[in-house]
Amino acid sequence: MKKLQPRFKLWLNAQNIQGAFGDGKWRLLRAIQTEGSLQAASRLLQISYRKAWGDLKKTQSALGVALVAKQRGGKSGGQTVLTDKGKEWLDAYGRFRKQIEQTVQTAWAKHLGRLAR
């Protein structure tokens, strides 16, 4: 038997919106912060610009806050930056996810780890 390790996907649902925020949107926000534009972030994540923009709109609508501010292109090109709320969501979700991951690892070790060696 190959050594097993737990993996999980995490997302948050709003009342009528499935997948309002989760790992994918979190990675998108991280990429926007790193790359400085939605287009570059979507290239980095290998998703279409249309999907990235749609995901952002869905999440912003579900949360009721603006996560990014866009500036259209020009001589120096456009840019997308995280708003203060976007940075808060990025940081808070990262901490939340890390805690969940630690809890999963603890439960794994307690209940199944010895069986999967």
C-alpha atoms as a PDB file:
ATOM      1  CA  MET A   1       0.000   0.000   0.000  1.00  0.00           C
ATOM      2  CA  LYS A   2       1.251   3.463  -0.842  1.00  0.00           C
ATOM      3  CA  LYS A   3       1.522   5.943   1.990  1.00  0.00           C
ATOM      4  CA  LEU A   4      -1.723   7.881   2.284  1.00  0.00           C
ATOM      5  CA  GLN A   5      -2.101  11.503   3.314  1.00  0.00           C
ATOM      6  CA  PRO A   6      -5.296  13.473   3.865  1.00  0.00           C
ATOM      7  CA  ARG A   7      -6.225  16.212   1.408  1.00  0.00           C
ATOM      8  CA  PHE A   8      -9.290  18.413   1.390  1.00  0.00           C
ATOM      9  CA  LYS A   9     -11.058  21.179  -0.475  1.00  0.00           C
ATOM     10  CA  LEU A  10     -12.550  23.992   1.527  1.00  0.00           C
ATOM     11  CA  TRP A  11     -15.147  26.536   0.494  1.00  0.00           C
ATOM     12  CA  LEU A  12     -17.787  28.786   2.011  1.00  0.00           C
ATOM     13  CA  ASN A  13     -21.359  28.986   0.797  1.00  0.00           C
ATOM     14  CA  ALA A  14     -23.653  31.991   1.059  1.00  0.00           C
ATOM     15  CA  GLN A  15     -27.421  31.614   1.379  1.00  0.00           C
ATOM     16  CA  ASN A  16     -28.071  31.183  -2.351  1.00  0.00           C
ATOM     17  CA  ILE A  17     -24.508  31.064  -3.669  1.00  0.00           C
ATOM     18  CA  GLN A  18     -22.541  27.837  -3.707  1.00  0.00           C
ATOM     19  CA  GLY A  19     -18.774  28.290  -3.516  1.00  0.00           C
ATOM     20  CA  ALA A  20     -18.911  31.957  -2.541  1.00  0.00           C
ATOM     21  CA  PHE A  21     -15.327  31.798  -1.313  1.00  0.00           C
ATOM     22  CA  GLY A  22     -12.794  29.023  -1.017  1.00  0.00           C
ATOM     23  CA  ASP A  23      -9.395  27.769  -2.005  1.00  0.00           C
ATOM     24  CA  GLY A  24      -9.731  28.760  -5.674  1.00  0.00           C
ATOM     25  CA  LYS A  25     -10.812  32.328  -4.960  1.00  0.00           C
ATOM     26  CA  TRP A  26      -8.142  32.581  -2.263  1.00  0.00           C
ATOM     27  CA  ARG A  27      -5.461  31.507  -4.762  1.00  0.00           C
ATOM     28  CA  LEU A  28      -6.850  34.046  -7.230  1.00  0.00           C
ATOM     29  CA  LEU A  29      -6.558  36.870  -4.690  1.00  0.00           C
ATOM     30  CA  ARG A  30      -3.005  35.773  -3.847  1.00  0.00           C
ATOM     31  CA  ALA A  31      -2.085  35.765  -7.521  1.00  0.00           C
ATOM     32  CA  ILE A  32      -3.605  39.225  -8.056  1.00  0.00           C
ATOM     33  CA  GLN A  33      -1.609  40.548  -5.112  1.00  0.00           C
ATOM     34  CA  THR A  34       1.589  38.998  -6.472  1.00  0.00           C
ATOM     35  CA  GLU A  35       1.096  39.756 -10.156  1.00  0.00           C
ATOM     36  CA  GLY A  36      -0.621  43.148  -9.964  1.00  0.00           C
ATOM     37  CA  SER A  37      -3.256  42.394 -12.590  1.00  0.00           C
ATOM     38  CA  LEU A  38      -6.162  40.047 -13.102  1.00  0.00           C
ATOM     39  CA  GLN A  39      -4.891  39.075 -16.522  1.00  0.00           C
ATOM     40  CA  ALA A  40      -1.457  38.083 -15.200  1.00  0.00           C
ATOM     41  CA  ALA A  41      -3.053  36.284 -12.258  1.00  0.00           C
ATOM     42  CA  SER A  42      -5.314  34.262 -14.541  1.00  0.00           C
ATOM     43  CA  ARG A  43      -2.315  33.308 -16.703  1.00  0.00           C
ATOM     44  CA  LEU A  44      -0.378  32.225 -13.611  1.00  0.00           C
ATOM     45  CA  LEU A  45      -3.273  30.058 -12.433  1.00  0.00           C
ATOM     46  CA  GLN A  46      -3.921  28.791 -15.967  1.00  0.00           C
ATOM     47  CA  ILE A  47      -7.556  29.857 -15.996  1.00  0.00           C
ATOM     48  CA  SER A  48      -9.272  32.125 -18.465  1.00  0.00           C
ATOM     49  CA  TYR A  49      -9.582  35.836 -17.747  1.00  0.00           C
ATOM     50  CA  ARG A  50     -13.339  35.445 -18.132  1.00  0.00           C
ATOM     51  CA  LYS A  51     -13.472  32.740 -15.432  1.00  0.00           C
ATOM     52  CA  ALA A  52     -11.267  34.773 -13.097  1.00  0.00           C
ATOM     53  CA  TRP A  53     -13.414  37.872 -13.524  1.00  0.00           C
ATOM     54  CA  GLY A  54     -16.614  35.835 -13.101  1.00  0.00           C
ATOM     55  CA  ASP A  55     -15.286  34.254  -9.916  1.00  0.00           C
ATOM     56  CA  LEU A  56     -14.385  37.660  -8.513  1.00  0.00           C
ATOM     57  CA  LYS A  57     -17.813  39.106  -9.328  1.00  0.00           C
ATOM     58  CA  LYS A  58     -19.550  36.111  -7.734  1.00  0.00           C
ATOM     59  CA  THR A  59     -17.473  36.380  -4.567  1.00  0.00           C
ATOM     60  CA  GLN A  60     -17.804  40.135  -4.236  1.00  0.00           C
ATOM     61  CA  SER A  61     -21.567  39.818  -4.653  1.00  0.00           C
ATOM     62  CA  ALA A  62     -21.814  37.049  -2.054  1.00  0.00           C
ATOM     63  CA  LEU A  63     -19.650  38.891   0.479  1.00  0.00           C
ATOM     64  CA  GLY A  64     -21.078  42.324  -0.240  1.00  0.00           C
ATOM     65  CA  VAL A  65     -17.626  43.906  -0.398  1.00  0.00           C
ATOM     66  CA  ALA A  66     -15.203  44.974  -3.119  1.00  0.00           C
ATOM     67  CA  LEU A  67     -12.137  42.732  -2.993  1.00  0.00           C
ATOM     68  CA  VAL A  68     -10.278  44.369  -5.872  1.00  0.00           C
ATOM     69  CA  ALA A  69      -9.935  47.750  -7.520  1.00  0.00           C
ATOM     70  CA  LYS A  70      -9.253  47.796 -11.258  1.00  0.00           C
ATOM     71  CA  GLN A  71      -7.580  50.465 -13.329  1.00  0.00           C
ATOM     72  CA  ARG A  72      -8.012  50.160 -17.083  1.00  0.00           C
ATOM     73  CA  GLY A  73      -5.004  49.939 -19.344  1.00  0.00           C
ATOM     74  CA  GLY A  74      -3.214  52.778 -20.964  1.00  0.00           C
ATOM     75  CA  LYS A  75       0.406  53.449 -21.787  1.00  0.00           C
ATOM     76  CA  SER A  76       1.633  51.480 -18.823  1.00  0.00           C
ATOM     77  CA  GLY A  77      -1.169  48.891 -18.923  1.00  0.00           C
ATOM     78  CA  GLY A  78      -3.967  48.184 -16.499  1.00  0.00           C
ATOM     79  CA  GLN A  79      -3.672  46.925 -12.995  1.00  0.00           C
ATOM     80  CA  THR A  80      -5.781  45.187 -10.407  1.00  0.00           C
ATOM     81  CA  VAL A  81      -5.033  45.603  -6.724  1.00  0.00           C
ATOM     82  CA  LEU A  82      -6.618  44.211  -3.603  1.00  0.00           C
ATOM     83  CA  THR A  83      -8.718  46.589  -1.572  1.00  0.00           C
ATOM     84  CA  ASP A  84      -8.244  46.700   2.183  1.00  0.00           C
ATOM     85  CA  LYS A  85     -11.164  44.249   2.502  1.00  0.00           C
ATOM     86  CA  GLY A  86      -9.566  42.034  -0.137  1.00  0.00           C
ATOM     87  CA  LYS A  87      -6.348  41.930   1.883  1.00  0.00           C
ATOM     88  CA  GLU A  88      -8.334  41.152   5.039  1.00  0.00           C
ATOM     89  CA  TRP A  89     -10.128  38.258   3.333  1.00  0.00           C
ATOM     90  CA  LEU A  90      -6.864  36.945   1.877  1.00  0.00           C
ATOM     91  CA  ASP A  91      -5.091  36.981   5.243  1.00  0.00           C
ATOM     92  CA  ALA A  92      -8.018  35.749   7.359  1.00  0.00           C
ATOM     93  CA  TYR A  93      -8.871  32.878   5.015  1.00  0.00           C
ATOM     94  CA  GLY A  94      -5.213  31.863   4.906  1.00  0.00           C
ATOM     95  CA  ARG A  95      -5.112  31.666   8.703  1.00  0.00           C
ATOM     96  CA  PHE A  96      -8.478  29.843   8.773  1.00  0.00           C
ATOM     97  CA  ARG A  97      -7.323  27.317   6.180  1.00  0.00           C
ATOM     98  CA  LYS A  98      -4.046  26.687   8.007  1.00  0.00           C
ATOM     99  CA  GLN A  99      -5.913  25.970  11.239  1.00  0.00           C
ATOM    100  CA  ILE A 100      -8.297  23.589   9.453  1.00  0.00           C
ATOM    101  CA  GLU A 101      -5.324  21.821   7.859  1.00  0.00           C
ATOM    102  CA  GLN A 102      -3.663  21.385  11.261  1.00  0.00           C
ATOM    103  CA  THR A 103      -6.916  19.996  12.677  1.00  0.00           C
ATOM    104  CA  VAL A 104      -7.207  17.537   9.778  1.00  0.00           C
ATOM    105  CA  GLN A 105      -3.606  16.377  10.336  1.00  0.00           C
ATOM    106  CA  THR A 106      -4.245  15.885  14.050  1.00  0.00           C
ATOM    107  CA  ALA A 107      -7.425  13.886  13.407  1.00  0.00           C
ATOM    108  CA  TRP A 108      -5.616  11.852  10.738  1.00  0.00           C
ATOM    109  CA  ALA A 109      -2.801  10.943  13.109  1.00  0.00           C
ATOM    110  CA  LYS A 110      -5.264  10.058  15.871  1.00  0.00           C
ATOM    111  CA  HIS A 111      -7.669   7.916  13.844  1.00  0.00           C
ATOM    112  CA  LEU A 112      -6.113   6.639  10.620  1.00  0.00           C
ATOM    113  CA  GLY A 113      -2.410   7.436  10.481  1.00  0.00           C
ATOM    114  CA  ARG A 114      -1.249   4.125  11.928  1.00  0.00           C
ATOM    115  CA  LEU A 115      -3.405   2.185   9.466  1.00  0.00           C
ATOM    116  CA  ALA A 116      -2.001   3.959   6.435  1.00  0.00           C
ATOM    117  CA  ARG A 117       1.708   3.395   6.990  1.00  0.00           C
END
